[in-house]
Amino acid sequence: AQQGRVREKVYGKQKIYFADQEQLPAASDAELRGLDGEIAARSAQLQALQQSCRQMEAELKDLSSSMTTPEIAREIEVLRKDCASYTEKLERIKSATNHVTPEEKEKVCREQQLYRREWRRRKRMATELLDAILEGYPKSKKQFFEEVGIETDEDHGVVLPAT
């Protein structure tokens, strides 16, 4: 700093030293334009390299996340075993002799219809009977049901099946 090659600036207790740029030769306009052109060319080259790097990283990520050849071979073997077991199960189901015949199915459907009809009939009779009793009862319907111990379908979330 005393010889003049380096400059010194004092900021409070800190001192900063930097090269004295007045001693450096001044660049001509042609040199500055040449440097600007070189900077632009290098920036374009940098952009191209960064784009190429991003593409390669994306490709690497895709390849890393995909299965390797031995893993694919194991997966194919597992899928073939599953397919064979499902095929065997399907054959057993097809060859089973205990299928439900249309007559048996029709019989079950008729019985269900009969029971559903009977359920409706009995529910209607019970409702009519309880309504007749409640006409002369001084308390509410809910209190009457509690005293007598009546549980309704609605109390248990039971819904009459549709026809």
C-alpha atoms as a PDB file:
ATOM      1  CA  ALA A   1       0.000   0.000   0.000  1.00  0.00           C
ATOM      2  CA  GLN A   2       2.899   2.330   0.725  1.00  0.00           C
ATOM      3  CA  GLN A   3       4.472   1.569  -2.659  1.00  0.00           C
ATOM      4  CA  GLY A   4       1.153   2.354  -4.417  1.00  0.00           C
ATOM      5  CA  ARG A   5       0.493  -1.068  -5.965  1.00  0.00           C
ATOM      6  CA  VAL A   6      -2.347  -1.839  -3.557  1.00  0.00           C
ATOM      7  CA  ARG A   7      -4.935   0.618  -2.245  1.00  0.00           C
ATOM      8  CA  GLU A   8      -6.316   0.631   1.269  1.00  0.00           C
ATOM      9  CA  LYS A   9      -9.764   1.704   2.505  1.00  0.00           C
ATOM     10  CA  VAL A  10     -10.674   1.932   6.166  1.00  0.00           C
ATOM     11  CA  TYR A  11     -14.215   1.196   7.362  1.00  0.00           C
ATOM     12  CA  GLY A  12     -14.300   1.719  11.097  1.00  0.00           C
ATOM     13  CA  LYS A  13     -11.926  -0.864  12.530  1.00  0.00           C
ATOM     14  CA  GLN A  14     -11.725  -2.798   9.271  1.00  0.00           C
ATOM     15  CA  LYS A  15      -9.253  -2.220   6.471  1.00  0.00           C
ATOM     16  CA  ILE A  16      -9.840  -3.418   2.929  1.00  0.00           C
ATOM     17  CA  TYR A  17      -6.972  -3.825   0.436  1.00  0.00           C
ATOM     18  CA  PHE A  18      -7.510  -4.053  -3.339  1.00  0.00           C
ATOM     19  CA  ALA A  19      -5.399  -3.706  -6.494  1.00  0.00           C
ATOM     20  CA  ASP A  20      -4.916  -0.188  -7.806  1.00  0.00           C
ATOM     21  CA  GLN A  21      -6.634  -0.306 -11.184  1.00  0.00           C
ATOM     22  CA  GLU A  22      -5.205   3.023 -12.303  1.00  0.00           C
ATOM     23  CA  GLN A  23      -1.869   1.287 -12.846  1.00  0.00           C
ATOM     24  CA  LEU A  24      -3.406  -1.291 -15.187  1.00  0.00           C
ATOM     25  CA  PRO A  25      -3.440  -0.507 -18.912  1.00  0.00           C
ATOM     26  CA  ALA A  26      -6.777   0.801 -20.201  1.00  0.00           C
ATOM     27  CA  ALA A  27      -8.546  -1.473 -22.672  1.00  0.00           C
ATOM     28  CA  SER A  28      -9.567  -0.080 -26.033  1.00  0.00           C
ATOM     29  CA  ASP A  29     -13.155  -0.152 -27.326  1.00  0.00           C
ATOM     30  CA  ALA A  30     -12.259  -2.913 -29.764  1.00  0.00           C
ATOM     31  CA  GLU A  31     -10.862  -5.063 -26.953  1.00  0.00           C
ATOM     32  CA  LEU A  32     -13.983  -4.428 -24.839  1.00  0.00           C
ATOM     33  CA  ARG A  33     -16.269  -5.398 -27.749  1.00  0.00           C
ATOM     34  CA  GLY A  34     -14.171  -8.515 -28.298  1.00  0.00           C
ATOM     35  CA  LEU A  35     -14.445  -9.414 -24.603  1.00  0.00           C
ATOM     36  CA  ASP A  36     -18.211  -8.748 -24.705  1.00  0.00           C
ATOM     37  CA  GLY A  37     -18.516 -11.074 -27.722  1.00  0.00           C
ATOM     38  CA  GLU A  38     -16.482 -13.726 -25.958  1.00  0.00           C
ATOM     39  CA  ILE A  39     -18.671 -13.381 -22.851  1.00  0.00           C
ATOM     40  CA  ALA A  40     -21.826 -13.780 -24.980  1.00  0.00           C
ATOM     41  CA  ALA A  41     -20.372 -16.845 -26.740  1.00  0.00           C
ATOM     42  CA  ARG A  42     -19.346 -18.411 -23.419  1.00  0.00           C
ATOM     43  CA  SER A  43     -22.787 -17.643 -21.927  1.00  0.00           C
ATOM     44  CA  ALA A  44     -24.482 -19.371 -24.875  1.00  0.00           C
ATOM     45  CA  GLN A  45     -22.111 -22.310 -24.493  1.00  0.00           C
ATOM     46  CA  LEU A  46     -22.895 -22.429 -20.760  1.00  0.00           C
ATOM     47  CA  GLN A  47     -26.644 -22.407 -21.473  1.00  0.00           C
ATOM     48  CA  ALA A  48     -26.263 -25.282 -23.960  1.00  0.00           C
ATOM     49  CA  LEU A  49     -24.179 -27.292 -21.493  1.00  0.00           C
ATOM     50  CA  GLN A  50     -26.654 -26.674 -18.654  1.00  0.00           C
ATOM     51  CA  GLN A  51     -29.560 -27.797 -20.877  1.00  0.00           C
ATOM     52  CA  SER A  52     -27.636 -30.909 -21.875  1.00  0.00           C
ATOM     53  CA  CYS A  53     -26.856 -31.579 -18.209  1.00  0.00           C
ATOM     54  CA  ARG A  54     -30.547 -31.261 -17.264  1.00  0.00           C
ATOM     55  CA  GLN A  55     -31.541 -33.699 -20.023  1.00  0.00           C
ATOM     56  CA  MET A  56     -28.919 -36.192 -18.918  1.00  0.00           C
ATOM     57  CA  GLU A  57     -29.983 -35.877 -15.279  1.00  0.00           C
ATOM     58  CA  ALA A  58     -33.620 -36.502 -16.286  1.00  0.00           C
ATOM     59  CA  GLU A  59     -32.559 -39.554 -18.292  1.00  0.00           C
ATOM     60  CA  LEU A  60     -30.469 -40.786 -15.346  1.00  0.00           C
ATOM     61  CA  LYS A  61     -33.440 -40.347 -13.018  1.00  0.00           C
ATOM     62  CA  ASP A  62     -35.677 -42.329 -15.399  1.00  0.00           C
ATOM     63  CA  LEU A  63     -33.123 -45.093 -15.707  1.00  0.00           C
ATOM     64  CA  SER A  64     -32.498 -45.191 -11.961  1.00  0.00           C
ATOM     65  CA  SER A  65     -36.194 -45.496 -11.172  1.00  0.00           C
ATOM     66  CA  SER A  66     -36.812 -48.269 -13.708  1.00  0.00           C
ATOM     67  CA  MET A  67     -36.287 -51.930 -12.928  1.00  0.00           C
ATOM     68  CA  THR A  68     -33.089 -53.741 -13.781  1.00  0.00           C
ATOM     69  CA  THR A  69     -33.089 -56.812 -16.010  1.00  0.00           C
ATOM     70  CA  PRO A  70     -32.782 -59.306 -13.084  1.00  0.00           C
ATOM     71  CA  GLU A  71     -35.590 -57.522 -11.225  1.00  0.00           C
ATOM     72  CA  ILE A  72     -37.814 -57.686 -14.299  1.00  0.00           C
ATOM     73  CA  ALA A  73     -37.021 -61.391 -14.712  1.00  0.00           C
ATOM     74  CA  ARG A  74     -38.044 -62.025 -11.074  1.00  0.00           C
ATOM     75  CA  GLU A  75     -41.218 -59.962 -11.509  1.00  0.00           C
ATOM     76  CA  ILE A  76     -42.141 -61.893 -14.674  1.00  0.00           C
ATOM     77  CA  GLU A  77     -41.620 -65.184 -12.827  1.00  0.00           C
ATOM     78  CA  VAL A  78     -43.859 -64.045  -9.948  1.00  0.00           C
ATOM     79  CA  LEU A  79     -46.559 -62.905 -12.388  1.00  0.00           C
ATOM     80  CA  ARG A  80     -46.403 -66.218 -14.252  1.00  0.00           C
ATOM     81  CA  LYS A  81     -46.858 -68.136 -10.973  1.00  0.00           C
ATOM     82  CA  ASP A  82     -49.812 -65.906 -10.063  1.00  0.00           C
ATOM     83  CA  CYS A  83     -51.317 -66.444 -13.503  1.00  0.00           C
ATOM     84  CA  ALA A  84     -50.910 -70.205 -13.193  1.00  0.00           C
ATOM     85  CA  SER A  85     -52.547 -70.256  -9.755  1.00  0.00           C
ATOM     86  CA  TYR A  86     -55.459 -68.134 -10.992  1.00  0.00           C
ATOM     87  CA  THR A  87     -55.887 -70.365 -14.041  1.00  0.00           C
ATOM     88  CA  GLU A  88     -55.946 -73.434 -11.790  1.00  0.00           C
ATOM     89  CA  LYS A  89     -58.508 -71.777  -9.504  1.00  0.00           C
ATOM     90  CA  LEU A  90     -60.663 -70.880 -12.511  1.00  0.00           C
ATOM     91  CA  GLU A  91     -60.554 -74.470 -13.764  1.00  0.00           C
ATOM     92  CA  ARG A  92     -61.606 -75.750 -10.322  1.00  0.00           C
ATOM     93  CA  ILE A  93     -64.520 -73.328 -10.284  1.00  0.00           C
ATOM     94  CA  LYS A  94     -65.571 -74.310 -13.813  1.00  0.00           C
ATOM     95  CA  SER A  95     -65.374 -78.021 -13.041  1.00  0.00           C
ATOM     96  CA  ALA A  96     -67.284 -77.752  -9.757  1.00  0.00           C
ATOM     97  CA  THR A  97     -70.525 -79.720  -9.754  1.00  0.00           C
ATOM     98  CA  ASN A  98     -72.259 -77.900  -6.923  1.00  0.00           C
ATOM     99  CA  HIS A  99     -73.675 -75.076  -9.037  1.00  0.00           C
ATOM    100  CA  VAL A 100     -77.010 -73.576  -8.095  1.00  0.00           C
ATOM    101  CA  THR A 101     -79.649 -74.650 -10.543  1.00  0.00           C
ATOM    102  CA  PRO A 102     -82.192 -72.163 -11.899  1.00  0.00           C
ATOM    103  CA  GLU A 103     -84.945 -74.057 -10.083  1.00  0.00           C
ATOM    104  CA  GLU A 104     -83.159 -73.710  -6.741  1.00  0.00           C
ATOM    105  CA  LYS A 105     -82.545 -70.035  -7.391  1.00  0.00           C
ATOM    106  CA  GLU A 106     -86.209 -69.485  -8.258  1.00  0.00           C
ATOM    107  CA  LYS A 107     -87.272 -71.317  -5.083  1.00  0.00           C
ATOM    108  CA  VAL A 108     -85.031 -69.126  -2.904  1.00  0.00           C
ATOM    109  CA  CYS A 109     -86.346 -65.961  -4.594  1.00  0.00           C
ATOM    110  CA  ARG A 110     -89.972 -67.047  -4.003  1.00  0.00           C
ATOM    111  CA  GLU A 111     -89.230 -67.768  -0.340  1.00  0.00           C
ATOM    112  CA  GLN A 112     -87.571 -64.379   0.078  1.00  0.00           C
ATOM    113  CA  GLN A 113     -90.592 -62.697  -1.503  1.00  0.00           C
ATOM    114  CA  LEU A 114     -92.939 -64.610   0.816  1.00  0.00           C
ATOM    115  CA  TYR A 115     -90.939 -63.647   3.932  1.00  0.00           C
ATOM    116  CA  ARG A 116     -90.721 -60.017   2.822  1.00  0.00           C
ATOM    117  CA  ARG A 117     -94.486 -59.881   2.260  1.00  0.00           C
ATOM    118  CA  GLU A 118     -95.104 -61.463   5.697  1.00  0.00           C
ATOM    119  CA  TRP A 119     -92.692 -58.986   7.323  1.00  0.00           C
ATOM    120  CA  ARG A 120     -94.571 -56.040   5.802  1.00  0.00           C
ATOM    121  CA  ARG A 121     -97.943 -57.458   6.830  1.00  0.00           C
ATOM    122  CA  ARG A 122     -96.872 -58.063  10.425  1.00  0.00           C
ATOM    123  CA  LYS A 123     -95.158 -54.671  10.695  1.00  0.00           C
ATOM    124  CA  ARG A 124     -98.317 -52.954   9.422  1.00  0.00           C
ATOM    125  CA  MET A 125    -100.511 -54.867  11.912  1.00  0.00           C
ATOM    126  CA  ALA A 126     -98.159 -54.029  14.817  1.00  0.00           C
ATOM    127  CA  THR A 127     -98.048 -50.360  13.810  1.00  0.00           C
ATOM    128  CA  GLU A 128    -101.849 -50.151  13.604  1.00  0.00           C
ATOM    129  CA  LEU A 129    -102.218 -51.856  16.982  1.00  0.00           C
ATOM    130  CA  LEU A 130     -99.676 -49.551  18.649  1.00  0.00           C
ATOM    131  CA  ASP A 131    -101.285 -46.466  17.083  1.00  0.00           C
ATOM    132  CA  ALA A 132    -104.659 -47.546  18.507  1.00  0.00           C
ATOM    133  CA  ILE A 133    -103.122 -47.972  21.968  1.00  0.00           C
ATOM    134  CA  LEU A 134    -101.303 -44.621  21.758  1.00  0.00           C
ATOM    135  CA  GLU A 135    -104.566 -42.740  21.000  1.00  0.00           C
ATOM    136  CA  GLY A 136    -105.604 -43.043  24.627  1.00  0.00           C
ATOM    137  CA  TYR A 137    -102.106 -43.103  26.155  1.00  0.00           C
ATOM    138  CA  PRO A 138    -101.160 -39.887  27.999  1.00  0.00           C
ATOM    139  CA  LYS A 139     -97.410 -40.024  27.326  1.00  0.00           C
ATOM    140  CA  SER A 140     -95.396 -39.889  24.110  1.00  0.00           C
ATOM    141  CA  LYS A 141     -94.840 -42.781  21.714  1.00  0.00           C
ATOM    142  CA  LYS A 142     -91.153 -42.998  22.685  1.00  0.00           C
ATOM    143  CA  GLN A 143     -91.967 -43.199  26.405  1.00  0.00           C
ATOM    144  CA  PHE A 144     -94.571 -45.914  25.740  1.00  0.00           C
ATOM    145  CA  PHE A 145     -92.077 -47.979  23.723  1.00  0.00           C
ATOM    146  CA  GLU A 146     -89.531 -47.674  26.562  1.00  0.00           C
ATOM    147  CA  GLU A 147     -92.020 -48.713  29.252  1.00  0.00           C
ATOM    148  CA  VAL A 148     -93.284 -51.705  27.305  1.00  0.00           C
ATOM    149  CA  GLY A 149     -89.822 -52.625  25.904  1.00  0.00           C
ATOM    150  CA  ILE A 150     -90.635 -52.376  22.215  1.00  0.00           C
ATOM    151  CA  GLU A 151     -87.716 -52.140  19.781  1.00  0.00           C
ATOM    152  CA  THR A 152     -88.427 -51.037  16.222  1.00  0.00           C
ATOM    153  CA  ASP A 153     -86.585 -51.785  12.982  1.00  0.00           C
ATOM    154  CA  GLU A 154     -85.527 -48.144  12.829  1.00  0.00           C
ATOM    155  CA  ASP A 155     -83.914 -48.366  16.311  1.00  0.00           C
ATOM    156  CA  HIS A 156     -81.540 -50.989  14.929  1.00  0.00           C
ATOM    157  CA  GLY A 157     -81.070 -49.480  11.472  1.00  0.00           C
ATOM    158  CA  VAL A 158     -82.891 -52.324   9.718  1.00  0.00           C
ATOM    159  CA  VAL A 159     -84.439 -51.468   6.359  1.00  0.00           C
ATOM    160  CA  LEU A 160     -87.067 -53.569   4.663  1.00  0.00           C
ATOM    161  CA  PRO A 161     -85.522 -54.987   1.442  1.00  0.00           C
ATOM    162  CA  ALA A 162     -86.880 -53.664  -1.828  1.00  0.00           C
ATOM    163  CA  THR A 163     -88.873 -55.970  -4.106  1.00  0.00           C
END
